[in-house]
PDB file of N, CA and C in Angstrom:
ATOM      1  N   UNK A   1       0.851  -1.214   0.079  1.00  0.00           N
ATOM      2  CA  UNK A   1       0.004  -0.017  -0.063  1.00  0.00           C
ATOM      3  C   UNK A   1       0.905   1.261   0.035  1.00  0.00           C
ATOM      4  N   UNK A   2       0.607   2.257  -0.833  1.00  0.00           N
ATOM      5  CA  UNK A   2       1.327   3.438  -0.940  1.00  0.00           C
ATOM      6  C   UNK A   2       1.123   4.344   0.236  1.00  0.00           C
ATOM      7  N   UNK A   3       1.923   5.369   0.479  1.00  0.00           N
ATOM      8  CA  UNK A   3       1.848   6.346   1.617  1.00  0.00           C
ATOM      9  C   UNK A   3       0.612   6.991   1.510  1.00  0.00           C
ATOM     10  N   UNK A   4       0.182   7.401   0.329  1.00  0.00           N
ATOM     11  CA  UNK A   4      -1.143   7.989  -0.033  1.00  0.00           C
ATOM     12  C   UNK A   4      -2.456   7.090   0.559  1.00  0.00           C
ATOM     13  N   UNK A   5      -2.368   5.801   0.223  1.00  0.00           N
ATOM     14  CA  UNK A   5      -3.302   4.848   0.716  1.00  0.00           C
ATOM     15  C   UNK A   5      -3.416   4.745   2.179  1.00  0.00           C
ATOM     16  N   UNK A   6      -2.195   4.740   2.829  1.00  0.00           N
ATOM     17  CA  UNK A   6      -2.071   4.609   4.254  1.00  0.00           C
ATOM     18  C   UNK A   6      -2.680   5.805   4.811  1.00  0.00           C
ATOM     19  N   UNK A   7      -2.424   6.985   4.396  1.00  0.00           N
ATOM     20  CA  UNK A   7      -2.998   8.184   4.870  1.00  0.00           C
ATOM     21  C   UNK A   7      -4.437   8.214   4.818  1.00  0.00           C
ATOM     22  N   UNK A   8      -4.941   7.722   3.632  1.00  0.00           N
ATOM     23  CA  UNK A   8      -6.452   7.852   3.401  1.00  0.00           C
ATOM     24  C   UNK A   8      -7.105   6.836   4.488  1.00  0.00           C
ATOM     25  N   UNK A   9      -6.403   5.689   4.605  1.00  0.00           N
ATOM     26  CA  UNK A   9      -7.023   4.700   5.606  1.00  0.00           C
ATOM     27  C   UNK A   9      -6.962   5.294   7.028  1.00  0.00           C
ATOM     28  N   UNK A  10      -5.987   5.884   7.506  1.00  0.00           N
ATOM     29  CA  UNK A  10      -5.702   6.541   8.813  1.00  0.00           C
ATOM     30  C   UNK A  10      -6.922   7.655   8.952  1.00  0.00           C
ATOM     31  N   UNK A  11      -6.922   8.453   7.962  1.00  0.00           N
ATOM     32  CA  UNK A  11      -8.009   9.531   8.027  1.00  0.00           C
ATOM     33  C   UNK A  11      -9.485   8.972   8.095  1.00  0.00           C
ATOM     34  N   UNK A  12      -9.714   7.847   7.444  1.00  0.00           N
ATOM     35  CA  UNK A  12     -10.992   7.266   7.500  1.00  0.00           C
ATOM     36  C   UNK A  12     -11.205   6.746   8.883  1.00  0.00           C
ATOM     37  N   UNK A  13     -10.177   6.049   9.399  1.00  0.00           N
ATOM     38  CA  UNK A  13     -10.341   5.488  10.724  1.00  0.00           C
ATOM     39  C   UNK A  13     -10.579   6.532  11.847  1.00  0.00           C
ATOM     40  N   UNK A  14      -9.771   7.647  11.672  1.00  0.00           N
ATOM     41  CA  UNK A  14      -9.957   8.759  12.607  1.00  0.00           C
ATOM     42  C   UNK A  14     -11.379   9.429  12.480  1.00  0.00           C
ATOM     43  N   UNK A  15     -11.852   9.537  11.282  1.00  0.00           N
ATOM     44  CA  UNK A  15     -13.211  10.015  11.151  1.00  0.00           C
ATOM     45  C   UNK A  15     -14.241   9.138  11.881  1.00  0.00           C
ATOM     46  N   UNK A  16     -14.114   7.809  11.661  1.00  0.00           N
ATOM     47  CA  UNK A  16     -15.062   6.904  12.329  1.00  0.00           C
ATOM     48  C   UNK A  16     -14.879   6.971  13.727  1.00  0.00           C
ATOM     49  N   UNK A  17     -13.786   7.009  14.317  1.00  0.00           N
ATOM     50  CA  UNK A  17     -13.555   7.123  15.841  1.00  0.00           C
ATOM     51  C   UNK A  17     -14.043   8.336  16.402  1.00  0.00           C
ATOM     52  N   UNK A  18     -13.878   9.491  15.725  1.00  0.00           N
ATOM     53  CA  UNK A  18     -14.572  10.714  16.166  1.00  0.00           C
ATOM     54  C   UNK A  18     -16.010  10.791  16.106  1.00  0.00           C
ATOM     55  N   UNK A  19     -16.508  10.265  15.081  1.00  0.00           N
ATOM     56  CA  UNK A  19     -18.066  10.176  14.993  1.00  0.00           C
ATOM     57  C   UNK A  19     -18.591   9.263  16.055  1.00  0.00           C
ATOM     58  N   UNK A  20     -17.959   8.134  16.300  1.00  0.00           N
ATOM     59  CA  UNK A  20     -18.456   7.287  17.347  1.00  0.00           C
ATOM     60  C   UNK A  20     -18.312   7.817  18.718  1.00  0.00           C
ATOM     61  N   UNK A  21     -17.193   8.508  18.970  1.00  0.00           N
ATOM     62  CA  UNK A  21     -16.983   9.043  20.253  1.00  0.00           C
ATOM     63  C   UNK A  21     -17.804  10.282  20.569  1.00  0.00           C
ATOM     64  N   UNK A  22     -18.309  10.911  19.584  1.00  0.00           N
ATOM     65  CA  UNK A  22     -19.132  12.136  19.763  1.00  0.00           C
ATOM     66  C   UNK A  22     -20.588  11.798  20.037  1.00  0.00           C
ATOM     67  N   UNK A  23     -21.000  10.579  19.876  1.00  0.00           N
ATOM     68  CA  UNK A  23     -22.358  10.194  20.236  1.00  0.00           C
ATOM     69  C   UNK A  23     -22.476  10.025  21.647  1.00  0.00           C
ATOM     70  N   UNK A  24     -23.566  10.550  22.197  1.00  0.00           N
ATOM     71  CA  UNK A  24     -23.775  10.496  23.768  1.00  0.00           C
ATOM     72  C   UNK A  24     -25.265  10.345  23.934  1.00  0.00           C
ATOM     73  N   UNK A  25     -25.615   9.423  24.751  1.00  0.00           N
ATOM     74  CA  UNK A  25     -26.955   9.028  24.838  1.00  0.00           C
ATOM     75  C   UNK A  25     -27.622   9.552  26.240  1.00  0.00           C
ATOM     76  N   UNK A  26     -26.763  10.416  26.788  1.00  0.00           N
ATOM     77  CA  UNK A  26     -27.239  11.039  28.163  1.00  0.00           C
ATOM     78  C   UNK A  26     -28.372  12.027  27.946  1.00  0.00           C
ATOM     79  N   UNK A  27     -29.287  12.013  28.797  1.00  0.00           N
ATOM     80  CA  UNK A  27     -30.369  13.036  28.631  1.00  0.00           C
ATOM     81  C   UNK A  27     -29.808  14.569  28.708  1.00  0.00           C
ATOM     82  N   UNK A  28     -30.551  15.354  27.996  1.00  0.00           N
ATOM     83  CA  UNK A  28     -30.175  16.780  27.858  1.00  0.00           C
ATOM     84  C   UNK A  28     -30.344  17.334  29.334  1.00  0.00           C
ATOM     85  N   UNK A  29     -29.421  18.153  29.783  1.00  0.00           N
ATOM     86  CA  UNK A  29     -29.424  18.792  31.107  1.00  0.00           C
ATOM     87  C   UNK A  29     -30.649  19.726  31.215  1.00  0.00           C
ATOM     88  N   UNK A  30     -31.170  19.904  32.383  1.00  0.00           N
ATOM     89  CA  UNK A  30     -32.191  20.969  32.550  1.00  0.00           C
ATOM     90  C   UNK A  30     -31.463  22.309  32.714  1.00  0.00           C
ATOM     91  N   UNK A  31     -31.664  23.096  31.907  1.00  0.00           N
ATOM     92  CA  UNK A  31     -31.252  24.445  31.727  1.00  0.00           C
ATOM     93  C   UNK A  31     -32.363  25.375  31.532  1.00  0.00           C
ATOM     94  N   UNK A  32     -32.408  26.347  32.334  1.00  0.00           N
ATOM     95  CA  UNK A  32     -33.554  27.328  32.136  1.00  0.00           C
ATOM     96  C   UNK A  32     -33.439  28.599  33.039  1.00  0.00           C
ATOM     97  N   UNK A  33     -34.665  29.142  33.408  1.00  0.00           N
ATOM     98  CA  UNK A  33     -34.749  30.384  34.191  1.00  0.00           C
ATOM     99  C   UNK A  33     -34.479  29.967  35.657  1.00  0.00           C
ATOM    100  N   UNK A  34     -33.938  30.915  36.369  1.00  0.00           N
ATOM    101  CA  UNK A  34     -33.586  30.614  37.718  1.00  0.00           C
ATOM    102  C   UNK A  34     -34.889  30.117  38.615  1.00  0.00           C
ATOM    103  N   UNK A  35     -34.510  29.319  39.581  1.00  0.00           N
ATOM    104  CA  UNK A  35     -35.570  28.843  40.383  1.00  0.00           C
ATOM    105  C   UNK A  35     -36.231  29.973  41.171  1.00  0.00           C
ATOM    106  N   UNK A  36     -37.500  29.797  41.363  1.00  0.00           N
ATOM    107  CA  UNK A  36     -38.206  30.817  42.241  1.00  0.00           C
ATOM    108  C   UNK A  36     -37.983  30.556  43.768  1.00  0.00           C
ATOM    109  N   UNK A  37     -37.373  29.352  44.088  1.00  0.00           N
ATOM    110  CA  UNK A  37     -37.059  29.047  45.447  1.00  0.00           C
ATOM    111  C   UNK A  37     -35.710  29.257  45.826  1.00  0.00           C
ATOM    112  N   UNK A  38     -34.834  30.075  44.958  1.00  0.00           N
ATOM    113  CA  UNK A  38     -33.533  30.264  45.339  1.00  0.00           C
ATOM    114  C   UNK A  38     -33.322  31.050  46.670  1.00  0.00           C
ATOM    115  N   UNK A  39     -32.323  30.789  47.234  1.00  0.00           N
ATOM    116  CA  UNK A  39     -32.081  31.411  48.552  1.00  0.00           C
ATOM    117  C   UNK A  39     -31.674  32.781  48.440  1.00  0.00           C
ATOM    118  N   UNK A  40     -32.153  33.785  49.196  1.00  0.00           N
ATOM    119  CA  UNK A  40     -31.763  35.171  49.216  1.00  0.00           C
ATOM    120  C   UNK A  40     -30.380  35.281  49.681  1.00  0.00           C
ATOM    121  N   UNK A  41     -29.572  36.086  48.872  1.00  0.00           N
ATOM    122  CA  UNK A  41     -28.176  36.150  49.184  1.00  0.00           C
ATOM    123  C   UNK A  41     -27.869  37.662  49.542  1.00  0.00           C
ATOM    124  N   UNK A  42     -27.236  37.841  50.646  1.00  0.00           N
ATOM    125  CA  UNK A  42     -26.771  39.260  51.057  1.00  0.00           C
ATOM    126  C   UNK A  42     -25.881  39.856  50.188  1.00  0.00           C
ATOM    127  N   UNK A  43     -25.898  41.104  49.908  1.00  0.00           N
ATOM    128  CA  UNK A  43     -25.042  41.750  49.002  1.00  0.00           C
ATOM    129  C   UNK A  43     -23.604  41.582  49.497  1.00  0.00           C
ATOM    130  N   UNK A  44     -22.641  41.234  48.573  1.00  0.00           N
ATOM    131  CA  UNK A  44     -21.371  41.024  48.792  1.00  0.00           C
ATOM    132  C   UNK A  44     -20.973  39.576  49.269  1.00  0.00           C
ATOM    133  N   UNK A  45     -21.988  38.696  49.411  1.00  0.00           N
ATOM    134  CA  UNK A  45     -21.764  37.356  49.699  1.00  0.00           C
ATOM    135  C   UNK A  45     -21.462  36.593  48.417  1.00  0.00           C
ATOM    136  N   UNK A  46     -20.387  35.679  48.452  1.00  0.00           N
ATOM    137  CA  UNK A  46     -20.096  34.999  47.369  1.00  0.00           C
ATOM    138  C   UNK A  46     -21.004  33.745  47.254  1.00  0.00           C
ATOM    139  N   UNK A  47     -21.606  33.455  46.063  1.00  0.00           N
ATOM    140  CA  UNK A  47     -22.480  32.440  45.989  1.00  0.00           C
ATOM    141  C   UNK A  47     -22.145  31.645  44.658  1.00  0.00           C
ATOM    142  N   UNK A  48     -22.238  30.293  44.772  1.00  0.00           N
ATOM    143  CA  UNK A  48     -22.160  29.421  43.518  1.00  0.00           C
ATOM    144  C   UNK A  48     -23.619  29.275  43.111  1.00  0.00           C
ATOM    145  N   UNK A  49     -23.778  29.029  41.732  1.00  0.00           N
ATOM    146  CA  UNK A  49     -25.123  28.987  41.151  1.00  0.00           C
ATOM    147  C   UNK A  49     -25.177  27.582  40.405  1.00  0.00           C
ATOM    148  N   UNK A  50     -26.360  27.014  40.589  1.00  0.00           N
ATOM    149  CA  UNK A  50     -26.632  25.700  39.764  1.00  0.00           C
ATOM    150  C   UNK A  50     -26.930  26.166  38.532  1.00  0.00           C
ATOM    151  N   UNK A  51     -26.062  25.769  37.585  1.00  0.00           N
ATOM    152  CA  UNK A  51     -26.349  26.346  36.065  1.00  0.00           C
ATOM    153  C   UNK A  51     -27.003  25.260  35.200  1.00  0.00           C
ATOM    154  N   UNK A  52     -26.806  23.951  35.571  1.00  0.00           N
ATOM    155  CA  UNK A  52     -27.496  22.894  34.837  1.00  0.00           C
ATOM    156  C   UNK A  52     -27.552  21.626  35.788  1.00  0.00           C
ATOM    157  N   UNK A  53     -28.607  20.658  35.370  1.00  0.00           N
ATOM    158  CA  UNK A  53     -28.528  19.486  36.210  1.00  0.00           C
ATOM    159  C   UNK A  53     -29.324  18.480  35.395  1.00  0.00           C
ATOM    160  N   UNK A  54     -28.957  17.198  35.510  1.00  0.00           N
ATOM    161  CA  UNK A  54     -29.656  15.999  34.973  1.00  0.00           C
ATOM    162  C   UNK A  54     -29.782  15.057  36.147  1.00  0.00           C
ATOM    163  N   UNK A  55     -30.817  14.274  36.096  1.00  0.00           N
ATOM    164  CA  UNK A  55     -31.099  13.160  37.032  1.00  0.00           C
ATOM    165  C   UNK A  55     -31.366  13.787  38.505  1.00  0.00           C
ATOM    166  N   UNK A  56     -30.835  12.899  39.395  1.00  0.00           N
ATOM    167  CA  UNK A  56     -31.168  13.346  40.890  1.00  0.00           C
ATOM    168  C   UNK A  56     -30.007  14.174  41.405  1.00  0.00           C
ATOM    169  N   UNK A  57     -30.186  15.412  41.741  1.00  0.00           N
ATOM    170  CA  UNK A  57     -29.296  16.395  42.338  1.00  0.00           C
ATOM    171  C   UNK A  57     -29.970  17.023  43.496  1.00  0.00           C
ATOM    172  N   UNK A  58     -29.243  16.996  44.591  1.00  0.00           N
ATOM    173  CA  UNK A  58     -29.893  17.523  45.909  1.00  0.00           C
ATOM    174  C   UNK A  58     -29.122  18.606  46.535  1.00  0.00           C
ATOM    175  N   UNK A  59     -29.803  19.495  47.236  1.00  0.00           N
ATOM    176  CA  UNK A  59     -29.193  20.623  47.909  1.00  0.00           C
ATOM    177  C   UNK A  59     -29.371  20.611  49.441  1.00  0.00           C
ATOM    178  N   UNK A  60     -28.454  20.847  50.262  1.00  0.00           N
ATOM    179  CA  UNK A  60     -28.665  20.992  51.668  1.00  0.00           C
ATOM    180  C   UNK A  60     -28.213  22.401  52.118  1.00  0.00           C
ATOM    181  N   UNK A  61     -29.088  23.151  52.780  1.00  0.00           N
ATOM    182  CA  UNK A  61     -28.773  24.450  53.283  1.00  0.00           C
ATOM    183  C   UNK A  61     -28.369  24.373  54.700  1.00  0.00           C
ATOM    184  N   UNK A  62     -27.093  24.906  54.881  1.00  0.00           N
ATOM    185  CA  UNK A  62     -26.487  25.014  56.323  1.00  0.00           C
ATOM    186  C   UNK A  62     -26.574  23.726  57.135  1.00  0.00           C
ATOM    187  N   UNK A  63     -26.205  22.634  56.512  1.00  0.00           N
ATOM    188  CA  UNK A  63     -26.317  21.468  57.070  1.00  0.00           C
ATOM    189  C   UNK A  63     -27.567  20.715  57.483  1.00  0.00           C
ATOM    190  N   UNK A  64     -28.669  21.254  56.912  1.00  0.00           N
ATOM    191  CA  UNK A  64     -30.001  20.764  57.065  1.00  0.00           C
ATOM    192  C   UNK A  64     -30.346  19.550  56.286  1.00  0.00           C
ATOM    193  N   UNK A  65     -31.638  19.288  55.985  1.00  0.00           N
ATOM    194  CA  UNK A  65     -31.995  18.190  55.143  1.00  0.00           C
ATOM    195  C   UNK A  65     -31.781  18.456  53.613  1.00  0.00           C
ATOM    196  N   UNK A  66     -31.981  17.481  52.930  1.00  0.00           N
ATOM    197  CA  UNK A  66     -31.706  17.421  51.515  1.00  0.00           C
ATOM    198  C   UNK A  66     -32.956  17.638  50.803  1.00  0.00           C
ATOM    199  N   UNK A  67     -32.966  18.469  49.680  1.00  0.00           N
ATOM    200  CA  UNK A  67     -34.175  18.754  48.815  1.00  0.00           C
ATOM    201  C   UNK A  67     -33.680  18.793  47.504  1.00  0.00           C
ATOM    202  N   UNK A  68     -34.519  18.654  46.448  1.00  0.00           N
ATOM    203  CA  UNK A  68     -34.179  18.679  45.023  1.00  0.00           C
ATOM    204  C   UNK A  68     -33.549  20.111  44.752  1.00  0.00           C
ATOM    205  N   UNK A  69     -32.439  20.070  44.100  1.00  0.00           N
ATOM    206  CA  UNK A  69     -31.764  21.348  43.574  1.00  0.00           C
ATOM    207  C   UNK A  69     -32.402  21.675  42.360  1.00  0.00           C
ATOM    208  N   UNK A  70     -32.499  22.949  41.999  1.00  0.00           N
ATOM    209  CA  UNK A  70     -33.044  23.421  40.736  1.00  0.00           C
ATOM    210  C   UNK A  70     -32.010  24.413  40.171  1.00  0.00           C
ATOM    211  N   UNK A  71     -32.153  24.623  38.712  1.00  0.00           N
ATOM    212  CA  UNK A  71     -31.372  25.501  38.062  1.00  0.00           C
ATOM    213  C   UNK A  71     -31.621  26.792  38.586  1.00  0.00           C
ATOM    214  N   UNK A  72     -30.525  27.646  38.897  1.00  0.00           N
ATOM    215  CA  UNK A  72     -30.727  28.949  39.492  1.00  0.00           C
ATOM    216  C   UNK A  72     -30.580  28.936  41.029  1.00  0.00           C
ATOM    217  N   UNK A  73     -30.600  27.889  41.675  1.00  0.00           N
ATOM    218  CA  UNK A  73     -30.367  27.855  43.056  1.00  0.00           C
ATOM    219  C   UNK A  73     -28.979  28.374  43.436  1.00  0.00           C
ATOM    220  N   UNK A  74     -28.817  29.091  44.386  1.00  0.00           N
ATOM    221  CA  UNK A  74     -27.595  29.694  44.774  1.00  0.00           C
ATOM    222  C   UNK A  74     -27.077  28.996  46.149  1.00  0.00           C
ATOM    223  N   UNK A  75     -25.733  28.670  46.131  1.00  0.00           N
ATOM    224  CA  UNK A  75     -25.153  28.115  47.241  1.00  0.00           C
ATOM    225  C   UNK A  75     -24.186  29.012  47.987  1.00  0.00           C
ATOM    226  N   UNK A  76     -24.368  29.196  49.208  1.00  0.00           N
ATOM    227  CA  UNK A  76     -23.506  30.096  50.089  1.00  0.00           C
ATOM    228  C   UNK A  76     -22.678  29.235  50.966  1.00  0.00           C
ATOM    229  N   UNK A  77     -21.680  29.858  51.633  1.00  0.00           N
ATOM    230  CA  UNK A  77     -20.980  29.023  52.630  1.00  0.00           C
ATOM    231  C   UNK A  77     -21.821  28.245  53.608  1.00  0.00           C
ATOM    232  N   UNK A  78     -21.534  27.019  53.746  1.00  0.00           N
ATOM    233  CA  UNK A  78     -22.160  25.942  54.536  1.00  0.00           C
ATOM    234  C   UNK A  78     -23.245  25.288  53.831  1.00  0.00           C
ATOM    235  N   UNK A  79     -23.524  25.568  52.590  1.00  0.00           N
ATOM    236  CA  UNK A  79     -24.506  24.729  51.818  1.00  0.00           C
ATOM    237  C   UNK A  79     -23.707  23.586  51.090  1.00  0.00           C
ATOM    238  N   UNK A  80     -24.402  22.585  50.679  1.00  0.00           N
ATOM    239  CA  UNK A  80     -23.868  21.481  50.064  1.00  0.00           C
ATOM    240  C   UNK A  80     -24.733  21.045  48.777  1.00  0.00           C
ATOM    241  N   UNK A  81     -24.121  20.389  47.901  1.00  0.00           N
ATOM    242  CA  UNK A  81     -24.868  19.919  46.793  1.00  0.00           C
ATOM    243  C   UNK A  81     -24.252  18.432  46.507  1.00  0.00           C
ATOM    244  N   UNK A  82     -25.243  17.449  46.207  1.00  0.00           N
ATOM    245  CA  UNK A  82     -24.751  16.129  45.964  1.00  0.00           C
ATOM    246  C   UNK A  82     -25.560  15.506  44.712  1.00  0.00           C
ATOM    247  N   UNK A  83     -24.899  14.590  44.109  1.00  0.00           N
ATOM    248  CA  UNK A  83     -25.546  13.983  42.878  1.00  0.00           C
ATOM    249  C   UNK A  83     -25.611  12.447  43.262  1.00  0.00           C
ATOM    250  N   UNK A  84     -26.737  11.906  43.051  1.00  0.00           N
ATOM    251  CA  UNK A  84     -26.654  10.378  43.056  1.00  0.00           C
ATOM    252  C   UNK A  84     -26.623   9.861  41.692  1.00  0.00           C
ATOM    253  N   UNK A  85     -27.731   9.674  41.075  1.00  0.00           N
ATOM    254  CA  UNK A  85     -27.719   9.191  39.659  1.00  0.00           C
ATOM    255  C   UNK A  85     -27.940  10.467  38.799  1.00  0.00           C
ATOM    256  N   UNK A  86     -27.009  11.409  38.880  1.00  0.00           N
ATOM    257  CA  UNK A  86     -27.235  12.572  38.111  1.00  0.00           C
ATOM    258  C   UNK A  86     -25.909  13.414  37.940  1.00  0.00           C
ATOM    259  N   UNK A  87     -26.082  14.516  37.409  1.00  0.00           N
ATOM    260  CA  UNK A  87     -24.919  15.346  37.249  1.00  0.00           C
ATOM    261  C   UNK A  87     -25.362  16.820  37.336  1.00  0.00           C
ATOM    262  N   UNK A  88     -24.499  17.765  37.807  1.00  0.00           N
ATOM    263  CA  UNK A  88     -24.808  19.117  37.999  1.00  0.00           C
ATOM    264  C   UNK A  88     -23.693  19.853  37.553  1.00  0.00           C
ATOM    265  N   UNK A  89     -23.851  21.264  37.080  1.00  0.00           N
ATOM    266  CA  UNK A  89     -22.863  22.137  36.723  1.00  0.00           C
ATOM    267  C   UNK A  89     -23.127  23.396  37.668  1.00  0.00           C
ATOM    268  N   UNK A  90     -22.057  23.802  38.437  1.00  0.00           N
ATOM    269  CA  UNK A  90     -22.054  24.901  39.183  1.00  0.00           C
ATOM    270  C   UNK A  90     -21.128  26.017  38.657  1.00  0.00           C
ATOM    271  N   UNK A  91     -21.598  27.239  38.838  1.00  0.00           N
ATOM    272  CA  UNK A  91     -20.827  28.461  38.442  1.00  0.00           C
ATOM    273  C   UNK A  91     -20.446  29.301  39.516  1.00  0.00           C
ATOM    274  N   UNK A  92     -19.200  29.707  39.626  1.00  0.00           N
ATOM    275  CA  UNK A  92     -18.843  30.673  40.710  1.00  0.00           C
ATOM    276  C   UNK A  92     -18.012  31.726  39.838  1.00  0.00           C
ATOM    277  N   UNK A  93     -18.718  32.860  39.511  1.00  0.00           N
ATOM    278  CA  UNK A  93     -17.933  33.816  38.634  1.00  0.00           C
ATOM    279  C   UNK A  93     -17.652  33.204  37.371  1.00  0.00           C
ATOM    280  N   UNK A  94     -16.341  33.361  36.898  1.00  0.00           N
ATOM    281  CA  UNK A  94     -15.961  32.805  35.630  1.00  0.00           C
ATOM    282  C   UNK A  94     -15.632  31.253  35.728  1.00  0.00           C
ATOM    283  N   UNK A  95     -15.682  30.613  36.818  1.00  0.00           N
ATOM    284  CA  UNK A  95     -15.244  29.287  37.120  1.00  0.00           C
ATOM    285  C   UNK A  95     -16.530  28.376  37.064  1.00  0.00           C
ATOM    286  N   UNK A  96     -16.512  27.304  36.227  1.00  0.00           N
ATOM    287  CA  UNK A  96     -17.646  26.432  36.182  1.00  0.00           C
ATOM    288  C   UNK A  96     -17.025  25.109  36.578  1.00  0.00           C
ATOM    289  N   UNK A  97     -17.863  24.365  37.257  1.00  0.00           N
ATOM    290  CA  UNK A  97     -17.469  23.004  37.855  1.00  0.00           C
ATOM    291  C   UNK A  97     -18.581  22.016  37.558  1.00  0.00           C
ATOM    292  N   UNK A  98     -18.246  20.858  37.095  1.00  0.00           N
ATOM    293  CA  UNK A  98     -19.196  19.813  36.778  1.00  0.00           C
ATOM    294  C   UNK A  98     -19.042  18.668  37.858  1.00  0.00           C
ATOM    295  N   UNK A  99     -20.180  18.364  38.468  1.00  0.00           N
ATOM    296  CA  UNK A  99     -20.255  17.259  39.439  1.00  0.00           C
ATOM    297  C   UNK A  99     -20.871  15.988  38.631  1.00  0.00           C
ATOM    298  N   UNK A 100     -20.137  15.016  38.696  1.00  0.00           N
ATOM    299  CA  UNK A 100     -20.606  13.762  38.028  1.00  0.00           C
ATOM    300  C   UNK A 100     -21.367  12.878  38.960  1.00  0.00           C
ATOM    301  N   UNK A 101     -21.843  11.794  38.582  1.00  0.00           N
ATOM    302  CA  UNK A 101     -22.637  10.844  39.322  1.00  0.00           C
ATOM    303  C   UNK A 101     -22.024  10.466  40.657  1.00  0.00           C
ATOM    304  N   UNK A 102     -22.755  10.464  41.724  1.00  0.00           N
ATOM    305  CA  UNK A 102     -22.241   9.981  43.029  1.00  0.00           C
ATOM    306  C   UNK A 102     -21.126  11.011  43.538  1.00  0.00           C
ATOM    307  N   UNK A 103     -21.291  12.288  43.451  1.00  0.00           N
ATOM    308  CA  UNK A 103     -20.380  13.279  43.898  1.00  0.00           C
ATOM    309  C   UNK A 103     -21.055  14.226  44.851  1.00  0.00           C
ATOM    310  N   UNK A 104     -20.218  15.022  45.513  1.00  0.00           N
ATOM    311  CA  UNK A 104     -20.653  15.939  46.592  1.00  0.00           C
ATOM    312  C   UNK A 104     -19.681  17.152  46.755  1.00  0.00           C
ATOM    313  N   UNK A 105     -20.211  18.268  47.001  1.00  0.00           N
ATOM    314  CA  UNK A 105     -19.410  19.427  47.307  1.00  0.00           C
ATOM    315  C   UNK A 105     -20.087  20.256  48.252  1.00  0.00           C
ATOM    316  N   UNK A 106     -19.196  20.912  49.134  1.00  0.00           N
ATOM    317  CA  UNK A 106     -19.751  21.868  50.223  1.00  0.00           C
ATOM    318  C   UNK A 106     -19.100  23.181  50.025  1.00  0.00           C
ATOM    319  N   UNK A 107     -19.902  24.223  50.029  1.00  0.00           N
ATOM    320  CA  UNK A 107     -19.379  25.503  49.803  1.00  0.00           C
ATOM    321  C   UNK A 107     -18.884  26.131  51.102  1.00  0.00           C
TER     322      UNK A 107
END
């Protein structure tokens, strides 16, 4: 096989690998308007914001019980977020963080 044939075969293999790897069957994340139940944050307080979520994602305020987290919920120091069979994306200013399945974070 010539160099040209080898290059074509490698390019075809690369395209097939990219096309296969780009397919993802995960459900689309919930993205939308901020939640009406978000916590009031005092001016000057740093707060992380739930930007997106899929599956089961829960929020605990100040060490209390767990409830469903919603897009737009704000987390302040002493709040926590956990994922069971789900994922969440948090934003804190220009920084974004993704929590994958079975993860937890405390602010």
